[in-house]
Amino acid sequence: MFSQIRAAATLVGLFTVVLGLLYPAAMTAIAGAAFPSQAAGSLLLKDGKAVGSSLIGQSFAGEGYLHPRPSAAGTGYDASASSGTNLAPTSAKLAERLKTDAAAMQEATGASILPADAITTSGSGLDPDVSPAFAELQVPRIAKARNVPEEAVRRLIAASTTGRTLGVLGEPRVNVLATNLALDAAAPNATPPAPAAPAGTPSASASPTG
């Protein structure tokens, strides 16, 4: 009996050390060496300071910034309250919000057809990307606010655009934070951030200041 207990205790201790300590430490070291940016959280820097992650969306305001899609996370892009609206496709409340937001977006941009992500929220509420079509829709506003040619804004957006994963998975996407940091670096005369917008509206509520 004692020998069996000792063998079991030895195995528990051995596997605890190997799988609970050594293996995680080895994987962390390998990840840090092979993929240092990803292992550190895919952080983006401004003036040497981390202002966010390319994987976690955040709100932006001001006419000179690329705005993200609407968010239902807390008051909007609240990382402590990640969520969608949980409204069903048949929800009258959802239909009314989409109708209202679509009308406001069409009036602001002059577009008759809107990309879906211009008015819909993501499941997490923390989507860091927008579609190239939604980004293109915002080019005239950004260029006017920063007093730069539209083509210059398009080049910065293109630099922050990622294609399909492995060429086949997902859709092309534009990282909002990376684009706004590039805009601030290339054309810093952006308009000041506007007051925080209510959650679920097409506008946004922060600037990339960290």
Protein backbone atom coordinates (compact mmCIF):
# COMPACT_ATOMS: atom_id res chain seq x y z
CA MET A 1 0.00 0.00 0.00
CA PHE A 2 2.73 2.44 1.02
CA SER A 3 4.73 1.68 -2.10
CA GLN A 4 1.71 2.41 -4.28
CA ILE A 5 1.05 5.73 -2.53
CA ARG A 6 4.72 6.68 -2.88
CA ALA A 7 4.68 5.83 -6.60
CA ALA A 8 1.51 7.86 -7.16
CA ALA A 9 2.87 10.84 -5.19
CA THR A 10 6.14 10.66 -7.13
CA LEU A 11 4.30 10.75 -10.46
CA VAL A 12 2.09 13.63 -9.35
CA GLY A 13 5.14 15.60 -8.26
CA LEU A 14 7.05 14.76 -11.44
CA PHE A 15 4.22 15.72 -13.79
CA THR A 16 3.52 18.87 -11.79
CA VAL A 17 7.12 20.02 -12.25
CA VAL A 18 7.39 18.95 -15.90
CA LEU A 19 3.96 19.99 -17.18
CA GLY A 20 3.13 22.75 -14.71
CA LEU A 21 6.52 24.50 -14.59
CA LEU A 22 9.12 23.35 -17.10
CA TYR A 23 6.85 23.00 -20.16
CA PRO A 24 5.11 26.41 -19.78
CA ALA A 25 8.48 28.06 -19.11
CA ALA A 26 9.97 26.46 -22.22
CA MET A 27 7.01 27.48 -24.42
CA THR A 28 7.15 31.04 -23.07
CA ALA A 29 10.87 31.27 -23.81
CA ILE A 30 10.47 29.84 -27.32
CA ALA A 31 7.54 32.14 -28.10
CA GLY A 32 9.44 35.16 -26.81
CA ALA A 33 12.44 34.32 -28.98
CA ALA A 34 10.58 33.32 -32.15
CA PHE A 35 7.65 35.76 -31.96
CA PRO A 36 8.64 38.58 -29.58
CA SER A 37 5.91 41.02 -30.65
CA GLN A 38 3.08 38.50 -30.47
CA ALA A 39 4.33 37.05 -27.18
CA ALA A 40 4.33 40.54 -25.67
CA GLY A 41 0.71 41.13 -26.68
CA SER A 42 1.17 42.61 -30.17
CA LEU A 43 1.58 46.04 -28.60
CA LEU A 44 1.77 49.21 -30.70
CA LEU A 45 3.96 52.07 -29.54
CA LYS A 46 3.80 55.85 -29.74
CA ASP A 47 6.81 57.86 -28.60
CA GLY A 48 8.21 54.67 -27.10
CA LYS A 49 5.12 53.99 -24.99
CA ALA A 50 2.55 51.26 -25.53
CA VAL A 51 -0.80 52.79 -26.53
CA GLY A 52 -2.69 49.60 -27.28
CA SER A 53 -2.61 46.23 -28.97
CA SER A 54 -3.21 45.47 -32.62
CA LEU A 55 -5.49 42.66 -31.40
CA ILE A 56 -7.81 44.73 -29.16
CA GLY A 57 -9.93 47.52 -30.58
CA GLN A 58 -10.40 50.89 -28.93
CA SER A 59 -12.53 53.95 -29.57
CA PHE A 60 -11.40 56.98 -31.56
CA ALA A 61 -12.93 60.39 -32.09
CA GLY A 62 -12.10 63.43 -34.12
CA GLU A 63 -12.65 63.96 -37.81
CA GLY A 64 -9.00 63.19 -38.54
CA TYR A 65 -9.09 59.63 -37.24
CA LEU A 66 -10.18 56.35 -38.75
CA HIS A 67 -13.23 55.30 -36.75
CA PRO A 68 -13.81 51.66 -35.76
CA ARG A 69 -17.08 49.83 -36.18
CA PRO A 70 -19.72 50.37 -33.47
CA SER A 71 -19.20 48.50 -30.21
CA ALA A 72 -21.62 47.12 -27.63
CA ALA A 73 -18.89 46.38 -25.08
CA GLY A 74 -19.78 48.42 -22.01
CA THR A 75 -19.99 52.05 -23.10
CA GLY A 76 -18.07 51.14 -26.25
CA TYR A 77 -14.79 49.24 -26.62
CA ASP A 78 -14.65 48.49 -22.89
CA ALA A 79 -12.15 45.62 -22.57
CA SER A 80 -13.55 44.74 -19.16
CA ALA A 81 -17.02 44.17 -20.60
CA SER A 82 -16.42 42.42 -23.91
CA SER A 83 -19.75 41.48 -25.49
CA GLY A 84 -22.14 41.92 -28.39
CA THR A 85 -25.67 43.24 -28.19
CA ASN A 86 -27.18 39.73 -27.97
CA LEU A 87 -30.12 41.03 -29.99
CA ALA A 88 -31.69 38.52 -32.38
CA PRO A 89 -31.83 39.21 -36.13
CA THR A 90 -35.60 39.63 -35.74
CA SER A 91 -35.24 42.20 -32.92
CA ALA A 92 -37.22 45.39 -33.58
CA LYS A 93 -34.76 47.31 -31.37
CA LEU A 94 -31.83 46.12 -33.49
CA ALA A 95 -33.64 46.97 -36.72
CA GLU A 96 -34.41 50.47 -35.49
CA ARG A 97 -30.82 51.11 -34.42
CA LEU A 98 -29.45 49.90 -37.74
CA LYS A 99 -31.92 52.06 -39.62
CA THR A 100 -31.02 55.15 -37.58
CA ASP A 101 -27.27 54.58 -37.78
CA ALA A 102 -27.43 53.83 -41.50
CA ALA A 103 -29.30 57.06 -42.18
CA ALA A 104 -26.76 59.05 -40.16
CA MET A 105 -23.82 57.39 -41.89
CA GLN A 106 -25.29 57.89 -45.35
CA GLU A 107 -25.94 61.55 -44.61
CA ALA A 108 -22.39 62.03 -43.36
CA THR A 109 -20.68 60.21 -46.22
CA GLY A 110 -23.09 60.56 -49.12
CA ALA A 111 -22.88 56.81 -49.71
CA SER A 112 -26.01 55.01 -50.80
CA ILE A 113 -24.64 51.55 -49.96
CA LEU A 114 -22.76 50.99 -46.70
CA PRO A 115 -20.32 48.23 -45.72
CA ALA A 116 -21.88 46.00 -43.06
CA ASP A 117 -19.27 46.89 -40.44
CA ALA A 118 -20.08 50.59 -40.73
CA ILE A 119 -23.22 50.07 -38.63
CA THR A 120 -23.02 46.59 -37.09
CA THR A 121 -21.21 45.62 -33.90
CA SER A 122 -18.86 42.66 -33.57
CA GLY A 123 -19.46 39.70 -31.28
CA SER A 124 -16.71 40.78 -28.89
CA GLY A 125 -17.22 44.52 -29.13
CA LEU A 126 -13.43 44.79 -29.36
CA ASP A 127 -12.82 44.26 -33.08
CA PRO A 128 -9.50 45.98 -33.89
CA ASP A 129 -10.11 46.05 -37.64
CA VAL A 130 -12.51 47.47 -40.20
CA SER A 131 -13.09 46.40 -43.76
CA PRO A 132 -11.19 48.19 -46.56
CA ALA A 133 -14.56 49.39 -47.84
CA PHE A 134 -15.42 51.08 -44.52
CA ALA A 135 -11.93 52.59 -44.35
CA GLU A 136 -12.29 53.95 -47.88
CA LEU A 137 -15.60 55.53 -46.92
CA GLN A 138 -13.78 57.58 -44.28
CA VAL A 139 -10.92 58.78 -46.49
CA PRO A 140 -12.47 62.13 -47.58
CA ARG A 141 -13.29 63.10 -43.97
CA ILE A 142 -9.82 62.22 -42.70
CA ALA A 143 -8.04 63.97 -45.56
CA LYS A 144 -10.08 67.13 -45.10
CA ALA A 145 -9.52 67.23 -41.34
CA ARG A 146 -5.76 66.76 -41.70
CA ASN A 147 -5.44 68.94 -44.79
CA VAL A 148 -3.68 66.26 -46.81
CA PRO A 149 -4.45 64.65 -50.20
CA GLU A 150 -6.86 61.72 -50.12
CA GLU A 151 -4.27 59.56 -51.85
CA ALA A 152 -1.88 60.08 -48.95
CA VAL A 153 -4.50 58.78 -46.54
CA ARG A 154 -5.17 55.81 -48.80
CA ARG A 155 -1.47 54.90 -48.79
CA LEU A 156 -1.39 54.89 -44.98
CA ILE A 157 -4.52 52.76 -44.86
CA ALA A 158 -3.02 50.33 -47.37
CA ALA A 159 0.09 49.99 -45.21
CA SER A 160 -2.10 48.90 -42.28
CA THR A 161 -4.18 46.49 -44.36
CA THR A 162 -3.78 42.75 -43.93
CA GLY A 163 -4.91 40.27 -46.56
CA ARG A 164 -6.57 36.91 -46.05
CA THR A 165 -4.74 34.63 -43.62
CA LEU A 166 -2.71 32.12 -45.62
CA GLY A 167 -4.33 33.64 -48.67
CA VAL A 168 -7.69 31.91 -48.14
CA LEU A 169 -8.96 32.47 -44.58
CA GLY A 170 -11.03 35.47 -43.56
CA GLU A 171 -11.24 38.77 -45.41
CA PRO A 172 -8.84 41.69 -45.95
CA ARG A 173 -8.91 44.05 -42.97
CA VAL A 174 -7.53 47.40 -41.87
CA ASN A 175 -6.12 47.80 -38.36
CA VAL A 176 -7.65 50.95 -36.87
CA LEU A 177 -5.02 51.69 -34.22
CA ALA A 178 -2.08 51.14 -36.58
CA THR A 179 -3.68 53.41 -39.16
CA ASN A 180 -4.33 56.20 -36.67
CA LEU A 181 -0.80 56.05 -35.31
CA ALA A 182 0.50 56.29 -38.87
CA LEU A 183 -1.82 59.24 -39.53
CA ASP A 184 -0.58 61.07 -36.44
CA ALA A 185 3.03 60.46 -37.47
CA ALA A 186 2.57 61.56 -41.08
CA ALA A 187 0.01 64.35 -40.65
CA PRO A 188 -0.13 65.44 -37.00
CA ASN A 189 -2.51 68.39 -37.52
CA ALA A 190 -5.53 66.26 -36.60
CA THR A 191 -8.63 67.74 -35.06
CA PRO A 192 -8.88 67.45 -31.25
CA PRO A 193 -10.71 64.40 -29.87
CA ALA A 194 -14.46 64.91 -29.57
CA PRO A 195 -16.48 64.11 -26.43
CA ALA A 196 -17.23 60.45 -25.80
CA ALA A 197 -20.03 59.11 -28.01
CA PRO A 198 -22.79 56.84 -26.69
CA ALA A 199 -22.22 53.10 -27.12
CA GLY A 200 -23.46 51.67 -30.37
CA THR A 201 -23.12 54.87 -32.45
CA PRO A 202 -21.04 54.97 -35.65
CA SER A 203 -18.68 57.57 -34.14
CA ALA A 204 -15.92 56.83 -31.63
CA SER A 205 -14.63 58.28 -28.38
CA ALA A 206 -10.89 58.38 -27.87
CA SER A 207 -7.58 59.18 -29.48
CA PRO A 208 -4.35 57.14 -29.57
CA THR A 209 -2.74 58.75 -26.57
CA GLY A 210 -2.49 55.63 -24.46
